[in-house]
Amino acid sequence: MTNPPISVLFLTLLFLFLALFPGAFNCCMKISHDIPKGILRRVERFEIQKADGVCHREAVILHMKGKKFCVNPWNRKVKKMMKIKHKIHGSKSHVRKQRRIRIIKQKE
């Protein structure tokens, strides 16, 4: 019986690593400390990267039209944007619930 080529062994270990740690290559390695307001206005969503597990750096990942930026989570502008985006998201669902209730009451 012959030994498998090293490339097959390497690929097997790589796939095993990717299966066990799917987020390993999605971590922010560098973060921006200063971010222009224009970019913050175009943010569609954001996610928080914690410094535990696979990723070793705290960051906020800003998503906008196929791009993503890693920024310092302690930046004042970023904190303010996150607070505003969170409030907007939360208030929309609340308004929709109120409208449904009003429509049902009018039909009765």
N, C-alpha and C. Protein backbone atom coordinates (compact mmCIF):
# COMPACT_ATOMS: atom_id res chain seq x y z
N MET A 1 0.84 -1.17 0.00
CA MET A 1 0.00 0.00 0.00
C MET A 1 0.89 1.24 0.00
N THR A 2 0.55 2.22 -0.85
CA THR A 2 1.37 3.43 -0.97
C THR A 2 0.79 4.55 -0.11
N ASN A 3 1.64 5.47 0.26
CA ASN A 3 1.21 6.63 1.03
C ASN A 3 0.51 7.63 0.12
N PRO A 4 -0.55 8.30 0.63
CA PRO A 4 -1.24 9.30 -0.21
C PRO A 4 -0.33 10.50 -0.42
N PRO A 5 -0.48 11.15 -1.57
CA PRO A 5 0.34 12.34 -1.83
C PRO A 5 0.08 13.42 -0.78
N ILE A 6 1.07 14.23 -0.55
CA ILE A 6 0.97 15.29 0.46
C ILE A 6 -0.15 16.27 0.12
N SER A 7 -0.37 16.54 -1.17
CA SER A 7 -1.43 17.48 -1.56
C SER A 7 -2.81 16.98 -1.16
N VAL A 8 -3.06 15.70 -1.25
CA VAL A 8 -4.35 15.13 -0.85
C VAL A 8 -4.52 15.26 0.66
N LEU A 9 -3.47 15.01 1.39
CA LEU A 9 -3.51 15.15 2.84
C LEU A 9 -3.76 16.61 3.24
N PHE A 10 -3.08 17.53 2.56
CA PHE A 10 -3.25 18.95 2.85
C PHE A 10 -4.69 19.39 2.58
N LEU A 11 -5.25 18.99 1.44
CA LEU A 11 -6.62 19.36 1.11
C LEU A 11 -7.62 18.78 2.10
N THR A 12 -7.38 17.56 2.53
CA THR A 12 -8.26 16.94 3.52
C THR A 12 -8.23 17.72 4.83
N LEU A 13 -7.05 18.11 5.27
CA LEU A 13 -6.94 18.89 6.50
C LEU A 13 -7.57 20.28 6.34
N LEU A 14 -7.42 20.89 5.17
CA LEU A 14 -8.01 22.19 4.91
C LEU A 14 -9.53 22.13 4.98
N PHE A 15 -10.14 21.14 4.34
CA PHE A 15 -11.60 20.99 4.38
C PHE A 15 -12.10 20.70 5.78
N LEU A 16 -11.34 19.93 6.53
CA LEU A 16 -11.70 19.64 7.91
C LEU A 16 -11.67 20.92 8.74
N PHE A 17 -10.65 21.74 8.55
CA PHE A 17 -10.53 23.01 9.26
C PHE A 17 -11.70 23.93 8.91
N LEU A 18 -12.04 24.03 7.62
CA LEU A 18 -13.16 24.88 7.20
C LEU A 18 -14.48 24.39 7.75
N ALA A 19 -14.65 23.10 7.87
CA ALA A 19 -15.89 22.55 8.43
C ALA A 19 -16.00 22.84 9.91
N LEU A 20 -14.90 22.77 10.63
CA LEU A 20 -14.92 23.01 12.08
C LEU A 20 -14.97 24.49 12.43
N PHE A 21 -14.35 25.34 11.62
CA PHE A 21 -14.28 26.78 11.89
C PHE A 21 -14.73 27.55 10.65
N PRO A 22 -16.04 27.60 10.37
CA PRO A 22 -16.51 28.25 9.14
C PRO A 22 -16.24 29.74 9.09
N GLY A 23 -16.11 30.42 10.22
CA GLY A 23 -15.90 31.86 10.21
C GLY A 23 -14.45 32.27 10.25
N ALA A 24 -13.56 31.33 10.14
CA ALA A 24 -12.13 31.63 10.31
C ALA A 24 -11.60 32.63 9.28
N PHE A 25 -12.15 32.60 8.07
CA PHE A 25 -11.64 33.48 7.04
C PHE A 25 -12.52 34.71 6.86
N ASN A 26 -13.52 34.88 7.72
CA ASN A 26 -14.39 36.05 7.66
C ASN A 26 -14.07 37.05 8.77
N CYS A 27 -13.03 36.83 9.49
CA CYS A 27 -12.66 37.72 10.59
C CYS A 27 -11.99 38.98 10.05
N CYS A 28 -12.21 40.07 10.77
CA CYS A 28 -11.52 41.33 10.44
C CYS A 28 -10.10 41.26 10.99
N MET A 29 -9.13 41.41 10.14
CA MET A 29 -7.74 41.40 10.57
C MET A 29 -7.26 42.81 10.87
N LYS A 30 -7.76 43.79 10.10
CA LYS A 30 -7.41 45.19 10.31
C LYS A 30 -8.70 45.97 10.46
N ILE A 31 -8.67 46.99 11.31
CA ILE A 31 -9.85 47.83 11.48
C ILE A 31 -9.49 49.29 11.24
N SER A 32 -10.47 50.03 10.72
CA SER A 32 -10.28 51.47 10.51
C SER A 32 -10.71 52.19 11.77
N HIS A 33 -9.93 53.19 12.14
CA HIS A 33 -10.27 53.95 13.34
C HIS A 33 -11.06 55.21 13.00
N ASP A 34 -10.89 55.72 11.80
CA ASP A 34 -11.63 56.90 11.37
C ASP A 34 -12.44 56.53 10.14
N ILE A 35 -13.72 56.83 10.14
CA ILE A 35 -14.58 56.45 9.02
C ILE A 35 -15.40 57.67 8.59
N PRO A 36 -15.45 57.98 7.29
CA PRO A 36 -16.20 59.16 6.82
C PRO A 36 -17.70 59.00 7.05
N LYS A 37 -18.39 60.11 7.28
CA LYS A 37 -19.84 60.09 7.51
C LYS A 37 -20.59 59.56 6.29
N GLY A 38 -20.05 59.82 5.10
CA GLY A 38 -20.70 59.35 3.87
C GLY A 38 -20.83 57.83 3.83
N ILE A 39 -19.83 57.15 4.32
CA ILE A 39 -19.89 55.68 4.37
C ILE A 39 -20.90 55.24 5.42
N LEU A 40 -20.90 55.91 6.55
CA LEU A 40 -21.84 55.53 7.62
C LEU A 40 -23.29 55.71 7.18
N ARG A 41 -23.57 56.68 6.33
CA ARG A 41 -24.94 56.90 5.85
C ARG A 41 -25.41 55.78 4.92
N ARG A 42 -24.49 55.14 4.23
CA ARG A 42 -24.86 54.10 3.26
C ARG A 42 -24.89 52.69 3.84
N VAL A 43 -24.66 52.57 5.13
CA VAL A 43 -24.64 51.24 5.76
C VAL A 43 -26.03 50.62 5.71
N GLU A 44 -26.12 49.41 5.16
CA GLU A 44 -27.39 48.70 5.09
C GLU A 44 -27.63 47.86 6.35
N ARG A 45 -26.55 47.28 6.84
CA ARG A 45 -26.63 46.50 8.08
C ARG A 45 -25.24 46.42 8.68
N PHE A 46 -25.20 46.00 9.93
CA PHE A 46 -23.91 45.85 10.60
C PHE A 46 -23.94 44.62 11.48
N GLU A 47 -22.78 44.10 11.76
CA GLU A 47 -22.67 42.99 12.71
C GLU A 47 -21.46 43.23 13.60
N ILE A 48 -21.52 42.66 14.78
CA ILE A 48 -20.47 42.86 15.76
C ILE A 48 -19.60 41.61 15.82
N GLN A 49 -18.31 41.81 15.67
CA GLN A 49 -17.35 40.70 15.77
C GLN A 49 -16.72 40.76 17.16
N LYS A 50 -16.88 39.69 17.90
CA LYS A 50 -16.30 39.63 19.25
C LYS A 50 -14.90 39.05 19.18
N ALA A 51 -14.11 39.32 20.18
CA ALA A 51 -12.72 38.86 20.21
C ALA A 51 -12.61 37.53 20.95
N ASP A 52 -13.54 36.66 20.72
CA ASP A 52 -13.47 35.34 21.35
C ASP A 52 -13.63 34.27 20.26
N GLY A 53 -13.26 33.09 20.56
CA GLY A 53 -13.39 32.02 19.57
C GLY A 53 -12.34 32.15 18.47
N VAL A 54 -12.80 32.14 17.23
CA VAL A 54 -11.90 32.13 16.08
C VAL A 54 -11.30 33.51 15.83
N CYS A 55 -12.10 34.56 15.95
CA CYS A 55 -11.61 35.91 15.68
C CYS A 55 -10.94 36.49 16.91
N HIS A 56 -9.85 37.18 16.73
CA HIS A 56 -9.06 37.68 17.85
C HIS A 56 -9.10 39.20 17.99
N ARG A 57 -10.03 39.86 17.31
CA ARG A 57 -10.09 41.31 17.35
C ARG A 57 -11.55 41.75 17.38
N GLU A 58 -11.87 42.67 18.29
CA GLU A 58 -13.22 43.23 18.32
C GLU A 58 -13.36 44.21 17.17
N ALA A 59 -14.52 44.16 16.50
CA ALA A 59 -14.75 45.05 15.38
C ALA A 59 -16.25 45.13 15.10
N VAL A 60 -16.63 46.16 14.36
CA VAL A 60 -17.97 46.26 13.81
C VAL A 60 -17.82 46.13 12.31
N ILE A 61 -18.57 45.21 11.73
CA ILE A 61 -18.50 44.99 10.28
C ILE A 61 -19.68 45.71 9.65
N LEU A 62 -19.38 46.70 8.82
CA LEU A 62 -20.41 47.48 8.15
C LEU A 62 -20.62 46.91 6.75
N HIS A 63 -21.87 46.60 6.42
CA HIS A 63 -22.20 46.03 5.11
C HIS A 63 -22.94 47.07 4.28
N MET A 64 -22.49 47.24 3.04
CA MET A 64 -23.18 48.14 2.11
C MET A 64 -22.92 47.70 0.68
N LYS A 65 -23.97 47.41 -0.04
CA LYS A 65 -23.93 47.06 -1.47
C LYS A 65 -22.73 46.21 -1.87
N GLY A 66 -22.63 45.03 -1.33
CA GLY A 66 -21.58 44.11 -1.70
C GLY A 66 -20.21 44.39 -1.12
N LYS A 67 -20.08 45.44 -0.33
CA LYS A 67 -18.81 45.77 0.30
C LYS A 67 -18.95 45.64 1.81
N LYS A 68 -17.83 45.42 2.46
CA LYS A 68 -17.86 45.43 3.91
C LYS A 68 -16.61 46.12 4.43
N PHE A 69 -16.79 46.84 5.53
CA PHE A 69 -15.71 47.57 6.16
C PHE A 69 -15.63 47.15 7.62
N CYS A 70 -14.43 46.96 8.10
CA CYS A 70 -14.21 46.64 9.51
C CYS A 70 -13.77 47.92 10.21
N VAL A 71 -14.50 48.29 11.25
CA VAL A 71 -14.21 49.54 11.95
C VAL A 71 -14.09 49.31 13.45
N ASN A 72 -13.48 50.27 14.10
CA ASN A 72 -13.29 50.23 15.53
C ASN A 72 -14.64 50.32 16.24
N PRO A 73 -14.98 49.37 17.10
CA PRO A 73 -16.29 49.40 17.77
C PRO A 73 -16.41 50.51 18.81
N TRP A 74 -15.30 51.13 19.20
CA TRP A 74 -15.33 52.19 20.21
C TRP A 74 -15.39 53.59 19.60
N ASN A 75 -15.43 53.69 18.27
CA ASN A 75 -15.52 54.96 17.57
C ASN A 75 -16.89 55.59 17.85
N ARG A 76 -16.91 56.88 18.22
CA ARG A 76 -18.17 57.56 18.57
C ARG A 76 -19.17 57.57 17.42
N LYS A 77 -18.67 57.86 16.20
CA LYS A 77 -19.57 57.91 15.04
C LYS A 77 -20.20 56.55 14.78
N VAL A 78 -19.42 55.50 14.93
CA VAL A 78 -19.92 54.14 14.69
C VAL A 78 -20.96 53.77 15.75
N LYS A 79 -20.69 54.10 17.01
CA LYS A 79 -21.65 53.82 18.08
C LYS A 79 -22.97 54.54 17.83
N LYS A 80 -22.89 55.80 17.42
CA LYS A 80 -24.09 56.59 17.15
C LYS A 80 -24.88 55.98 15.99
N MET A 81 -24.19 55.59 14.92
CA MET A 81 -24.85 54.98 13.76
C MET A 81 -25.54 53.69 14.16
N MET A 82 -24.87 52.88 14.97
CA MET A 82 -25.46 51.60 15.40
C MET A 82 -26.73 51.85 16.22
N LYS A 83 -26.70 52.84 17.07
CA LYS A 83 -27.85 53.16 17.91
C LYS A 83 -29.03 53.62 17.04
N ILE A 84 -28.74 54.47 16.06
CA ILE A 84 -29.79 54.98 15.16
C ILE A 84 -30.36 53.85 14.32
N LYS A 85 -29.50 53.03 13.73
CA LYS A 85 -29.97 51.93 12.89
C LYS A 85 -30.79 50.94 13.70
N HIS A 86 -30.39 50.69 14.92
CA HIS A 86 -31.12 49.76 15.77
C HIS A 86 -32.51 50.30 16.10
N LYS A 87 -32.60 51.61 16.39
CA LYS A 87 -33.89 52.23 16.70
C LYS A 87 -34.81 52.21 15.49
N ILE A 88 -34.27 52.52 14.31
CA ILE A 88 -35.08 52.52 13.09
C ILE A 88 -35.63 51.14 12.83
N HIS A 89 -34.81 50.13 12.95
CA HIS A 89 -35.24 48.76 12.71
C HIS A 89 -36.33 48.35 13.70
N GLY A 90 -36.16 48.69 14.95
CA GLY A 90 -37.12 48.32 15.97
C GLY A 90 -38.45 49.04 15.81
N SER A 91 -38.43 50.32 15.41
CA SER A 91 -39.67 51.09 15.32
C SER A 91 -40.51 50.67 14.13
N LYS A 92 -39.92 50.20 13.05
CA LYS A 92 -40.69 49.79 11.88
C LYS A 92 -41.62 48.64 12.21
N SER A 93 -41.13 47.62 12.90
CA SER A 93 -41.97 46.48 13.21
C SER A 93 -43.09 46.88 14.16
N HIS A 94 -42.83 47.84 15.05
CA HIS A 94 -43.83 48.30 16.00
C HIS A 94 -44.96 49.01 15.25
N VAL A 95 -44.63 49.85 14.26
CA VAL A 95 -45.63 50.58 13.49
C VAL A 95 -46.49 49.61 12.70
N ARG A 96 -45.92 48.61 12.12
CA ARG A 96 -46.68 47.62 11.34
C ARG A 96 -47.69 46.90 12.22
N LYS A 97 -47.31 46.55 13.41
CA LYS A 97 -48.23 45.87 14.32
C LYS A 97 -49.41 46.76 14.65
N GLN A 98 -49.16 48.05 14.88
CA GLN A 98 -50.24 48.98 15.19
C GLN A 98 -51.19 49.11 14.02
N ARG A 99 -50.69 49.17 12.82
CA ARG A 99 -51.55 49.30 11.63
C ARG A 99 -52.46 48.09 11.49
N ARG A 100 -51.93 46.90 11.70
CA ARG A 100 -52.74 45.68 11.60
C ARG A 100 -53.89 45.71 12.59
N ILE A 101 -53.61 46.16 13.78
CA ILE A 101 -54.65 46.22 14.81
C ILE A 101 -55.74 47.20 14.39
N ARG A 102 -55.38 48.36 13.87
CA ARG A 102 -56.36 49.36 13.44
C ARG A 102 -57.23 48.83 12.31
N ILE A 103 -56.65 48.17 11.34
CA ILE A 103 -57.40 47.64 10.21
C ILE A 103 -58.39 46.59 10.68
N ILE A 104 -58.00 45.74 11.56
CA ILE A 104 -58.90 44.69 12.07
C ILE A 104 -60.05 45.33 12.84
N LYS A 105 -59.79 46.34 13.64
CA LYS A 105 -60.85 47.01 14.40
C LYS A 105 -61.84 47.71 13.49
N GLN A 106 -61.38 48.29 12.39
CA GLN A 106 -62.27 48.98 11.46
C GLN A 106 -63.21 48.01 10.75
N LYS A 107 -62.74 46.80 10.45
CA LYS A 107 -63.56 45.80 9.76
C LYS A 107 -64.68 45.29 10.65
N GLU A 108 -64.45 45.24 11.94
CA GLU A 108 -65.47 44.74 12.87
C GLU A 108 -66.55 45.75 13.04
